[in-house]
Amino acid sequence: MAAKSSKPRIWISNRTPNSGAVVTVKAMVTHPMETGLRKNAHSEVIPQNIVETFECTLAGETLLSWQLHPAISQNPYLEFKFVARKSVDLTMRWVADDGLRIETTETITVT
């Protein structure tokens, strides 16, 4: 069963940059990232539950693709930069191994 989805925390350095400006994006999603190696109080293995992939697209074209592994801590955070060349929708998508999908779209308007 998929975990409850939460809205990711997104910070964008400049949502209205000049053409050619570098834009920094910081993104974090709330997720337990269980490795499948721990046991609960009854000595039962807690099943693996991780975010497996993160993908970021600009106007539908892949900007960044990241495959996560059990060694990544809970609430995965990443920071990346790109050069703003035109106004676009920046879409970020996290997919977990339990079927959870979290997606958000932010608009970048080049001035």
Protein backbone atom coordinates (compact mmCIF):
# COMPACT_ATOMS: atom_id res chain seq x y z
CA MET A 1 0.00 0.00 0.00
CA ALA A 2 1.36 3.41 -0.93
CA ALA A 3 2.27 5.85 1.83
CA LYS A 4 0.36 9.09 2.19
CA SER A 5 1.66 11.73 -0.19
CA SER A 6 2.94 15.04 1.11
CA LYS A 7 3.65 18.20 -0.80
CA PRO A 8 7.37 18.54 -1.54
CA ARG A 9 9.27 21.57 -0.26
CA ILE A 10 10.67 23.55 -3.19
CA TRP A 11 12.88 26.63 -3.17
CA ILE A 12 13.81 28.36 -6.42
CA SER A 13 16.39 31.15 -6.36
CA ASN A 14 14.63 33.24 -9.02
CA ARG A 15 11.30 32.44 -10.67
CA THR A 16 11.65 35.40 -13.09
CA PRO A 17 15.30 35.29 -14.20
CA ASN A 18 16.88 37.10 -17.11
CA SER A 19 17.77 34.94 -20.11
CA GLY A 20 21.10 33.21 -19.45
CA ALA A 21 20.85 33.50 -15.66
CA VAL A 22 21.69 30.51 -13.46
CA VAL A 23 18.71 29.30 -11.41
CA THR A 24 19.23 27.20 -8.27
CA VAL A 25 16.55 24.72 -7.22
CA LYS A 26 16.38 23.02 -3.81
CA ALA A 27 13.86 20.21 -3.39
CA MET A 28 12.92 17.94 -0.49
CA VAL A 29 10.19 15.35 -0.15
CA THR A 30 9.01 13.85 3.15
CA HIS A 31 9.53 10.09 3.00
CA PRO A 32 10.70 7.48 5.59
CA MET A 33 13.21 5.76 3.24
CA GLU A 34 13.09 2.39 5.05
CA THR A 35 15.99 0.16 3.99
CA GLY A 36 14.34 -3.19 4.68
CA LEU A 37 17.19 -4.01 7.09
CA ARG A 38 15.70 -2.78 10.39
CA LYS A 39 13.42 -4.71 12.71
CA ASN A 40 10.47 -3.47 14.74
CA ALA A 41 9.85 -4.08 18.48
CA HIS A 42 8.59 -7.60 17.65
CA SER A 43 11.79 -8.51 15.74
CA GLU A 44 9.92 -8.40 12.42
CA VAL A 45 11.72 -6.91 9.45
CA ILE A 46 10.32 -3.52 8.44
CA PRO A 47 9.74 -3.80 4.67
CA GLN A 48 11.82 -1.70 2.30
CA ASN A 49 10.08 1.54 1.36
CA ILE A 50 12.24 3.98 -0.59
CA VAL A 51 11.89 6.66 -3.20
CA GLU A 52 13.42 4.91 -6.20
CA THR A 53 13.60 7.72 -8.74
CA PHE A 54 13.54 11.48 -9.05
CA GLU A 55 13.11 13.16 -12.42
CA CYS A 56 13.07 16.83 -13.29
CA THR A 57 11.93 18.07 -16.69
CA LEU A 58 12.00 21.49 -18.32
CA ALA A 59 9.20 21.92 -20.85
CA GLY A 60 8.94 18.13 -21.07
CA GLU A 61 12.67 17.50 -21.68
CA THR A 62 14.69 15.69 -19.01
CA LEU A 63 16.96 18.03 -17.08
CA LEU A 64 17.92 15.63 -14.29
CA SER A 65 17.27 11.98 -13.52
CA TRP A 66 18.37 10.42 -10.21
CA GLN A 67 18.11 6.80 -9.10
CA LEU A 68 18.02 6.54 -5.30
CA HIS A 69 19.15 3.57 -3.19
CA PRO A 70 18.45 2.39 0.39
CA ALA A 71 21.53 4.26 1.67
CA ILE A 72 19.81 7.64 1.08
CA SER A 73 18.48 9.13 4.33
CA GLN A 74 14.83 9.87 5.00
CA ASN A 75 13.34 13.02 3.46
CA PRO A 76 15.61 13.05 0.37
CA TYR A 77 16.96 16.52 -0.45
CA LEU A 78 18.76 17.66 -3.55
CA GLU A 79 20.00 20.89 -5.04
CA PHE A 80 20.74 21.56 -8.68
CA LYS A 81 21.23 24.47 -11.09
CA PHE A 82 20.26 25.20 -14.66
CA VAL A 83 20.59 28.09 -17.09
CA ALA A 84 17.30 29.84 -17.86
CA ARG A 85 16.97 30.35 -21.60
CA LYS A 86 13.20 30.65 -22.04
CA SER A 87 10.00 30.58 -19.98
CA VAL A 88 9.18 26.97 -19.05
CA ASP A 89 7.39 24.69 -16.64
CA LEU A 90 9.80 22.90 -14.32
CA THR A 91 8.26 19.55 -13.29
CA MET A 92 9.70 17.40 -10.50
CA ARG A 93 8.54 13.83 -9.90
CA TRP A 94 9.43 11.37 -7.14
CA VAL A 95 8.39 7.69 -7.45
CA ALA A 96 8.63 5.24 -4.54
CA ASP A 97 8.81 1.45 -4.65
CA ASP A 98 5.40 1.19 -2.94
CA GLY A 99 3.66 3.01 -5.79
CA LEU A 100 3.68 6.49 -4.26
CA ARG A 101 4.07 9.25 -6.88
CA ILE A 102 4.65 12.85 -5.89
CA GLU A 103 4.76 15.51 -8.59
CA THR A 104 4.93 19.27 -8.60
CA THR A 105 5.25 21.85 -11.37
CA GLU A 106 6.74 25.32 -10.98
CA THR A 107 6.70 28.00 -13.67
CA ILE A 108 9.91 29.83 -14.57
CA THR A 109 9.24 33.05 -16.49
CA VAL A 110 12.28 34.47 -18.29
CA THR A 111 12.23 38.27 -18.49
